[in-house]
C-alpha atoms as a PDB file:
ATOM      1  CA  MET A   1      47.198 -61.838  42.434  1.00  0.00           C
ATOM      2  CA  SER A   2      45.304 -59.057  40.661  1.00  0.00           C
ATOM      3  CA  ARG A   3      42.795 -59.862  37.917  1.00  0.00           C
ATOM      4  CA  ASN A   4      42.878 -58.284  34.481  1.00  0.00           C
ATOM      5  CA  LEU A   5      39.157 -57.674  33.994  1.00  0.00           C
ATOM      6  CA  GLU A   6      39.610 -56.182  30.545  1.00  0.00           C
ATOM      7  CA  GLN A   7      41.467 -59.274  29.364  1.00  0.00           C
ATOM      8  CA  GLU A   8      38.816 -61.541  30.894  1.00  0.00           C
ATOM      9  CA  MET A   9      36.033 -59.627  29.126  1.00  0.00           C
ATOM     10  CA  ASP A  10      37.854 -59.940  25.823  1.00  0.00           C
ATOM     11  CA  ALA A  11      38.123 -63.701  26.354  1.00  0.00           C
ATOM     12  CA  VAL A  12      34.395 -63.960  27.110  1.00  0.00           C
ATOM     13  CA  LYS A  13      33.527 -61.947  23.990  1.00  0.00           C
ATOM     14  CA  LYS A  14      35.723 -64.217  21.902  1.00  0.00           C
ATOM     15  CA  GLU A  15      34.028 -67.323  23.300  1.00  0.00           C
ATOM     16  CA  LEU A  16      30.595 -65.839  22.562  1.00  0.00           C
ATOM     17  CA  GLU A  17      31.589 -65.066  18.982  1.00  0.00           C
ATOM     18  CA  GLU A  18      32.871 -68.618  18.516  1.00  0.00           C
ATOM     19  CA  LEU A  19      29.648 -70.025  19.949  1.00  0.00           C
ATOM     20  CA  LYS A  20      27.595 -67.792  17.647  1.00  0.00           C
ATOM     21  CA  SER A  21      29.634 -68.975  14.672  1.00  0.00           C
ATOM     22  CA  LEU A  22      29.105 -72.619  15.607  1.00  0.00           C
ATOM     23  CA  LEU A  23      25.358 -72.101  15.931  1.00  0.00           C
ATOM     24  CA  LEU A  24      25.137 -70.334  12.582  1.00  0.00           C
ATOM     25  CA  ASN A  25      27.159 -73.035  10.870  1.00  0.00           C
ATOM     26  CA  ARG A  26      24.965 -75.743  12.372  1.00  0.00           C
ATOM     27  CA  ARG A  27      21.919 -73.888  11.087  1.00  0.00           C
ATOM     28  CA  GLU A  28      23.420 -73.719   7.585  1.00  0.00           C
ATOM     29  CA  ASP A  29      23.909 -77.482   7.607  1.00  0.00           C
ATOM     30  CA  GLN A  30      20.198 -78.083   8.155  1.00  0.00           C
ATOM     31  CA  PRO A  31      17.777 -78.801   5.297  1.00  0.00           C
ATOM     32  CA  LYS A  32      16.218 -75.797   3.564  1.00  0.00           C
ATOM     33  CA  SER A  33      12.742 -77.283   3.737  1.00  0.00           C
ATOM     34  CA  ALA A  34      10.601 -79.729   5.668  1.00  0.00           C
ATOM     35  CA  GLY A  35       8.015 -81.165   3.312  1.00  0.00           C
ATOM     36  CA  ARG A  36       6.299 -78.159   1.759  1.00  0.00           C
ATOM     37  CA  ILE A  37       7.482 -75.874   4.578  1.00  0.00           C
ATOM     38  CA  HIS A  38      10.439 -73.615   3.773  1.00  0.00           C
ATOM     39  CA  LYS A  39      12.824 -73.443   6.733  1.00  0.00           C
ATOM     40  CA  SER A  40      13.513 -69.959   8.108  1.00  0.00           C
ATOM     41  CA  ARG A  41      16.990 -68.899   9.108  1.00  0.00           C
ATOM     42  CA  GLY A  42      18.309 -66.084  11.229  1.00  0.00           C
ATOM     43  CA  MET A  43      14.885 -64.651  12.127  1.00  0.00           C
ATOM     44  CA  HIS A  44      15.840 -64.222  15.785  1.00  0.00           C
ATOM     45  CA  PRO A  45      19.235 -63.887  17.518  1.00  0.00           C
ATOM     46  CA  ASP A  46      18.273 -66.260  20.361  1.00  0.00           C
ATOM     47  CA  PRO A  47      19.184 -69.873  19.417  1.00  0.00           C
ATOM     48  CA  ALA A  48      16.567 -71.224  21.852  1.00  0.00           C
ATOM     49  CA  ILE A  49      13.778 -69.396  20.006  1.00  0.00           C
ATOM     50  CA  MET A  50      15.103 -70.545  16.630  1.00  0.00           C
ATOM     51  CA  SER A  51      15.115 -74.107  17.959  1.00  0.00           C
ATOM     52  CA  ILE A  52      11.409 -73.817  18.783  1.00  0.00           C
ATOM     53  CA  LEU A  53      10.683 -72.460  15.301  1.00  0.00           C
ATOM     54  CA  ASP A  54      12.698 -75.283  13.765  1.00  0.00           C
ATOM     55  CA  ARG A  55      10.605 -77.839  15.644  1.00  0.00           C
ATOM     56  CA  LEU A  56       7.362 -76.195  14.499  1.00  0.00           C
ATOM     57  CA  GLU A  57       8.548 -76.206  10.883  1.00  0.00           C
ATOM     58  CA  ASN A  58       9.540 -79.876  11.045  1.00  0.00           C
ATOM     59  CA  ALA A  59       6.210 -80.846  12.620  1.00  0.00           C
ATOM     60  CA  CYS A  60       4.230 -79.085   9.883  1.00  0.00           C
ATOM     61  CA  GLY A  61       6.429 -80.605   7.225  1.00  0.00           C
ATOM     62  CA  SER A  62       5.739 -84.124   8.471  1.00  0.00           C
ATOM     63  CA  THR A  63       1.993 -83.745   9.075  1.00  0.00           C
ATOM     64  CA  GLY A  64       0.967 -81.492   6.192  1.00  0.00           C
ATOM     65  CA  GLU A  65      -0.762 -79.021   8.544  1.00  0.00           C
ATOM     66  CA  THR A  66      -1.066 -75.405   7.464  1.00  0.00           C
ATOM     67  CA  GLY A  67       1.014 -74.404  10.458  1.00  0.00           C
ATOM     68  CA  ARG A  68       1.711 -74.607  14.174  1.00  0.00           C
ATOM     69  CA  ILE A  69       2.290 -71.895  16.710  1.00  0.00           C
ATOM     70  CA  THR A  70       3.765 -71.759  20.193  1.00  0.00           C
ATOM     71  CA  TYR A  71       3.192 -68.838  22.520  1.00  0.00           C
ATOM     72  CA  LEU A  72       3.733 -68.009  26.148  1.00  0.00           C
ATOM     73  CA  GLY A  73       3.512 -65.006  28.386  1.00  0.00           C
ATOM     74  CA  VAL A  74       2.901 -63.438  31.759  1.00  0.00           C
ATOM     75  CA  PHE A  75       0.569 -60.615  32.766  1.00  0.00           C
ATOM     76  CA  SER A  76       0.521 -59.101  36.253  1.00  0.00           C
ATOM     77  CA  SER A  77      -1.815 -56.289  37.250  1.00  0.00           C
ATOM     78  CA  GLY A  78      -3.959 -55.311  40.193  1.00  0.00           C
ATOM     79  CA  GLY A  79      -2.140 -57.734  42.473  1.00  0.00           C
ATOM     80  CA  ARG A  80      -2.970 -60.738  40.271  1.00  0.00           C
ATOM     81  CA  GLN A  81      -0.926 -62.678  37.759  1.00  0.00           C
ATOM     82  CA  SER A  82      -1.639 -64.901  34.776  1.00  0.00           C
ATOM     83  CA  THR A  83       1.077 -67.049  33.211  1.00  0.00           C
ATOM     84  CA  TRP A  84       0.484 -69.266  30.186  1.00  0.00           C
ATOM     85  CA  ILE A  85       2.246 -71.601  27.761  1.00  0.00           C
ATOM     86  CA  LYS A  86       0.567 -73.032  24.666  1.00  0.00           C
ATOM     87  CA  ASN A  87       2.771 -75.330  22.629  1.00  0.00           C
ATOM     88  CA  GLU A  88       2.435 -76.477  19.007  1.00  0.00           C
ATOM     89  CA  ILE A  89      -1.154 -75.368  18.417  1.00  0.00           C
ATOM     90  CA  ASN A  90      -2.450 -76.610  15.050  1.00  0.00           C
ATOM     91  CA  THR A  91      -3.420 -73.584  12.925  1.00  0.00           C
ATOM     92  CA  ASP A  92      -5.983 -75.686  11.028  1.00  0.00           C
ATOM     93  CA  GLU A  93      -7.912 -75.862  14.309  1.00  0.00           C
ATOM     94  CA  LEU A  94      -7.627 -72.075  14.701  1.00  0.00           C
ATOM     95  CA  LEU A  95      -8.947 -71.501  11.172  1.00  0.00           C
ATOM     96  CA  GLY A  96     -11.835 -73.808  12.018  1.00  0.00           C
ATOM     97  CA  LEU A  97     -12.998 -71.256  14.589  1.00  0.00           C
ATOM     98  CA  ILE A  98     -14.080 -69.084  11.658  1.00  0.00           C
ATOM     99  CA  GLU A  99     -16.018 -71.912   9.999  1.00  0.00           C
ATOM    100  CA  THR A 100     -17.905 -72.712  13.216  1.00  0.00           C
ATOM    101  CA  ARG A 101     -18.580 -68.975  13.728  1.00  0.00           C
ATOM    102  CA  THR A 102     -16.938 -69.155  17.150  1.00  0.00           C
ATOM    103  CA  ALA A 103     -14.570 -66.341  16.191  1.00  0.00           C
ATOM    104  CA  GLU A 104     -17.513 -64.214  15.073  1.00  0.00           C
ATOM    105  CA  LYS A 105     -19.327 -64.695  18.388  1.00  0.00           C
ATOM    106  CA  VAL A 106     -16.283 -63.812  20.486  1.00  0.00           C
ATOM    107  CA  LEU A 107     -15.282 -60.790  18.402  1.00  0.00           C
ATOM    108  CA  THR A 108     -18.875 -59.524  18.288  1.00  0.00           C
ATOM    109  CA  CYS A 109     -19.074 -59.803  22.070  1.00  0.00           C
ATOM    110  CA  ILE A 110     -16.040 -57.597  22.687  1.00  0.00           C
ATOM    111  CA  GLY A 111     -16.026 -55.638  19.415  1.00  0.00           C
ATOM    112  CA  ASN A 112     -17.432 -52.532  21.027  1.00  0.00           C
ATOM    113  CA  ASN A 113     -15.380 -49.689  22.452  1.00  0.00           C
ATOM    114  CA  ASP A 114     -17.477 -49.472  25.620  1.00  0.00           C
ATOM    115  CA  ARG A 115     -16.974 -53.161  26.393  1.00  0.00           C
ATOM    116  CA  LEU A 116     -13.286 -52.960  25.569  1.00  0.00           C
ATOM    117  CA  ASN A 117     -12.887 -50.018  27.936  1.00  0.00           C
ATOM    118  CA  LEU A 118     -14.593 -51.994  30.694  1.00  0.00           C
ATOM    119  CA  LEU A 119     -12.285 -54.955  30.028  1.00  0.00           C
ATOM    120  CA  LEU A 120      -9.274 -52.643  30.132  1.00  0.00           C
ATOM    121  CA  ALA A 121     -10.312 -51.180  33.472  1.00  0.00           C
ATOM    122  CA  LEU A 122     -11.000 -54.611  34.966  1.00  0.00           C
ATOM    123  CA  LEU A 123      -7.746 -56.049  33.619  1.00  0.00           C
ATOM    124  CA  ARG A 124      -5.917 -53.371  35.576  1.00  0.00           C
ATOM    125  CA  GLN A 125      -7.792 -54.069  38.789  1.00  0.00           C
ATOM    126  CA  PRO A 126     -11.144 -55.382  40.071  1.00  0.00           C
ATOM    127  CA  MET A 127     -13.742 -52.618  40.367  1.00  0.00           C
ATOM    128  CA  THR A 128     -17.268 -51.945  41.523  1.00  0.00           C
ATOM    129  CA  VAL A 129     -19.838 -50.649  39.074  1.00  0.00           C
ATOM    130  CA  ALA A 130     -19.670 -47.252  40.757  1.00  0.00           C
ATOM    131  CA  ALA A 131     -15.897 -47.174  40.259  1.00  0.00           C
ATOM    132  CA  LEU A 132     -16.351 -48.163  36.600  1.00  0.00           C
ATOM    133  CA  VAL A 133     -18.786 -45.276  36.117  1.00  0.00           C
ATOM    134  CA  GLU A 134     -16.130 -42.852  37.316  1.00  0.00           C
ATOM    135  CA  LYS A 135     -13.151 -44.552  35.665  1.00  0.00           C
ATOM    136  CA  CYS A 136     -14.717 -45.002  32.229  1.00  0.00           C
ATOM    137  CA  GLY A 137     -16.648 -41.748  32.149  1.00  0.00           C
ATOM    138  CA  TYR A 138     -20.237 -43.024  32.160  1.00  0.00           C
ATOM    139  CA  ASN A 139     -23.222 -41.041  33.387  1.00  0.00           C
ATOM    140  CA  SER A 140     -24.944 -43.820  35.324  1.00  0.00           C
ATOM    141  CA  THR A 141     -24.557 -47.335  36.690  1.00  0.00           C
ATOM    142  CA  GLY A 142     -27.242 -48.410  34.211  1.00  0.00           C
ATOM    143  CA  GLN A 143     -24.902 -47.664  31.309  1.00  0.00           C
ATOM    144  CA  VAL A 144     -22.175 -49.799  32.879  1.00  0.00           C
ATOM    145  CA  TYR A 145     -24.556 -52.701  33.536  1.00  0.00           C
ATOM    146  CA  HIS A 146     -25.758 -52.485  29.935  1.00  0.00           C
ATOM    147  CA  HIS A 147     -22.242 -53.099  28.568  1.00  0.00           C
ATOM    148  CA  LEU A 148     -21.181 -55.385  31.434  1.00  0.00           C
ATOM    149  CA  LYS A 149     -24.058 -57.834  30.880  1.00  0.00           C
ATOM    150  CA  PRO A 150     -22.783 -59.367  27.582  1.00  0.00           C
ATOM    151  CA  LEU A 151     -19.273 -59.677  29.032  1.00  0.00           C
ATOM    152  CA  ILE A 152     -20.664 -61.592  32.003  1.00  0.00           C
ATOM    153  CA  ALA A 153     -22.823 -63.772  29.711  1.00  0.00           C
ATOM    154  CA  ALA A 154     -19.714 -64.639  27.664  1.00  0.00           C
ATOM    155  CA  ASP A 155     -17.827 -65.664  30.844  1.00  0.00           C
ATOM    156  CA  LEU A 156     -15.267 -62.902  30.350  1.00  0.00           C
ATOM    157  CA  VAL A 157     -16.193 -60.943  33.466  1.00  0.00           C
ATOM    158  CA  THR A 158     -17.533 -62.176  36.794  1.00  0.00           C
ATOM    159  CA  GLU A 159     -18.353 -60.866  40.234  1.00  0.00           C
ATOM    160  CA  ASP A 160     -15.195 -61.172  42.292  1.00  0.00           C
ATOM    161  CA  LYS A 161     -15.788 -63.468  45.280  1.00  0.00           C
ATOM    162  CA  ASP A 162     -12.501 -62.435  46.910  1.00  0.00           C
ATOM    163  CA  ALA A 163     -13.395 -58.749  46.993  1.00  0.00           C
ATOM    164  CA  ALA A 164     -16.195 -56.615  48.371  1.00  0.00           C
ATOM    165  CA  LYS A 165     -19.713 -57.432  47.175  1.00  0.00           C
ATOM    166  CA  GLY A 166     -20.508 -55.888  43.798  1.00  0.00           C
ATOM    167  CA  THR A 167     -16.863 -55.924  42.654  1.00  0.00           C
ATOM    168  CA  TYR A 168     -16.169 -57.297  39.182  1.00  0.00           C
ATOM    169  CA  SER A 169     -13.030 -58.708  37.590  1.00  0.00           C
ATOM    170  CA  VAL A 170     -11.931 -60.490  34.427  1.00  0.00           C
ATOM    171  CA  VAL A 171     -12.357 -64.262  34.693  1.00  0.00           C
ATOM    172  CA  PRO A 172      -8.798 -65.502  35.468  1.00  0.00           C
ATOM    173  CA  HIS A 173      -8.569 -68.129  32.716  1.00  0.00           C
ATOM    174  CA  ARG A 174      -9.742 -65.559  30.123  1.00  0.00           C
ATOM    175  CA  VAL A 175      -6.922 -63.085  30.751  1.00  0.00           C
ATOM    176  CA  GLN A 176      -4.405 -64.728  28.437  1.00  0.00           C
ATOM    177  CA  GLY A 177      -6.935 -64.926  25.616  1.00  0.00           C
ATOM    178  CA  ILE A 178      -7.645 -61.202  25.841  1.00  0.00           C
ATOM    179  CA  ILE A 179      -3.943 -60.358  25.914  1.00  0.00           C
ATOM    180  CA  MET A 180      -3.261 -62.631  22.916  1.00  0.00           C
ATOM    181  CA  LEU A 181      -6.133 -61.024  20.964  1.00  0.00           C
ATOM    182  CA  LEU A 182      -4.480 -57.665  21.571  1.00  0.00           C
ATOM    183  CA  ALA A 183      -1.150 -59.151  20.456  1.00  0.00           C
ATOM    184  CA  GLY A 184      -2.852 -60.165  17.203  1.00  0.00           C
ATOM    185  CA  VAL A 185      -4.246 -56.664  16.756  1.00  0.00           C
ATOM    186  CA  HIS A 186      -0.746 -55.285  17.347  1.00  0.00           C
ATOM    187  CA  ASP A 187       0.662 -57.536  14.612  1.00  0.00           C
ATOM    188  CA  MET A 188      -2.067 -56.480  12.181  1.00  0.00           C
ATOM    189  CA  THR A 189      -1.354 -52.796  12.761  1.00  0.00           C
ATOM    190  CA  ASP A 190       2.449 -52.995  13.063  1.00  0.00           C
ATOM    191  CA  VAL A 191       4.020 -50.977  10.248  1.00  0.00           C
ATOM    192  CA  GLN A 192       6.684 -53.671   9.931  1.00  0.00           C
ATOM    193  CA  TYR A 193       4.054 -56.005   8.495  1.00  0.00           C
ATOM    194  CA  SER A 194       1.246 -53.788   7.251  1.00  0.00           C
ATOM    195  CA  THR A 195       0.658 -51.088   4.666  1.00  0.00           C
ATOM    196  CA  GLY A 196      -2.490 -49.236   3.739  1.00  0.00           C
ATOM    197  CA  ASN A 197      -5.251 -47.565   5.678  1.00  0.00           C
ATOM    198  CA  TRP A 198      -7.701 -49.177   8.098  1.00  0.00           C
ATOM    199  CA  ASP A 199     -10.391 -46.534   7.514  1.00  0.00           C
ATOM    200  CA  ALA A 200     -13.693 -48.044   6.387  1.00  0.00           C
ATOM    201  CA  ASP A 201     -13.784 -45.947   3.217  1.00  0.00           C
ATOM    202  CA  ASN A 202     -10.344 -47.078   2.079  1.00  0.00           C
ATOM    203  CA  ASN A 203     -10.117 -50.451   0.376  1.00  0.00           C
ATOM    204  CA  GLU A 204      -6.361 -50.449  -0.149  1.00  0.00           C
ATOM    205  CA  THR A 205      -5.444 -52.333   2.998  1.00  0.00           C
ATOM    206  CA  ALA A 206      -2.646 -54.809   2.320  1.00  0.00           C
ATOM    207  CA  GLY A 207      -0.106 -56.721   4.337  1.00  0.00           C
ATOM    208  CA  THR A 208       3.264 -58.299   3.944  1.00  0.00           C
ATOM    209  CA  GLY A 209       4.866 -60.843   6.189  1.00  0.00           C
END
């Protein structure tokens, strides 16, 4: 008995449309707010992601927190992989990092193009200082050590014990933090959310979101 693949595909499409309709209707039946939190609808086509957002909204509505975030990811480079999941992080605790000046210390440590270039090179693969001189365009190993020292002191970079002596790499449990910082920078410069000019002599930087 031959199969009618076209007919089967049409049936699958119909089932998917019905499922989508059911999910949308269920969403419409939900409350429009949770405490002082306004519930968002239709922000993402994946029902699983919307379910996570719904849970975050409900949690904030019941506790009175400014917000909660959930994030996860994977990064694989240079033969190494980092995978992370952080669930329902209280944004009041994140804002507190500014008050304790922790955010200032971290951003000051890496807020230099030379250090960022070293981090980029080491994120891609472990390297010796000599290799970093060539890769990053320095004139001497002394220049590399000068910018590497604060990264080592901040526990962002370490000498790699699994590689040849004098080889450096990003500390494994710091990888996700660096990637998430870059994700934040991406959001702040994404034209979908931002308008204005980031030049220092332009004060008309604004954002919408």
